[in-house]
Amino acid sequence: MHEDLIWKWRAVKRTLLTKECAKKRLEWGLKYQHYTPKDWAKIAWSDESTIQKDSACQQVWFFRHQTKEEKYAPQNVQGKARDGDVYQMVWGCFVGNKLGPIVSIDGSVSGDVYTTVLRDNLLPFLDALGSDGITDITFQQDNARAHTCKKAKAFFSIATTEHGFTVMDDWPPYSPDMNLIENLWAHLKVGLHRRYPDTAMLSGSPQYIRSCIAERVHEVWWSIVEEVLTRLIDSMPDRVHALIKARGWYTKY
């Protein structure tokens, strides 16, 4: 799998930034503008992603202003599973050039589901990194409701002390361009359809299709090489610079 594909595929996302969002994004960029790749390698990048059996492989992120008619037009509502679609939700993370676990999730992501995933997967991963001398990790997550609910906050208040990590609690809104794992999801989905081109044509019960997707996704995930992760980490100073140059508005990433 060619690493350049990581820059060419991203799920469709149309986001209308407001002045307040741009202000918060700029503040975040200014705060982290002096971070080096070595600093960014201490971040545990994480998120959930929906893997559909017929996910397109050549879509791109872009931001745009749009009317209400455009926003809800069927051809513009993409990247989310529609009724009747078969998809598998997954959660994953990575730190530096170390892949963390990828976890299949059935159903929606609630606070209970999210904290269970973190307890059973993130914490053992961070502990293993600590055993290898990789410490002082900062956990990154976006501002999804399940990530910031009372249940999650209570979990972090204990887990950060017991397992020796911190949480990046100033993540800017609407900032997929700054979250490296978004690019990794792109890389994963390209790899899935390249290694298993019949994925879009899987037939059978929804449960069977999801199990096939999950098995294939796990295989492709663990085949991602360290160079891909390193290139992503190395891109962060340029991303932050682009964010500052844009005064918190739209970037090419």
Foldseek 3Di string as FASTA:
>chain_A
DDLVLLLFFFWEDEDDDDPVLLQLLLVVLVVCLPDALVNQLLEKFKDKAKAFLPDDQGDDYDYDDDDPCQCPDPVRPTRDDDPPTQIWMWMFIAGQLGGFDIGTDPDDQALVNVLVCCVVTVLVRLQVVVVVVSAAHEYEDADPCSCPDPSNVVSCVPSCVVRPYHYPPSDGPPPPVQRLVSSVVSVLNVQLCVVPVCSSVDDDDSVVNNVVVVVSSNVSSVVDGSVSSNVSSNCNSVSSVQSNVVSSDDGSD
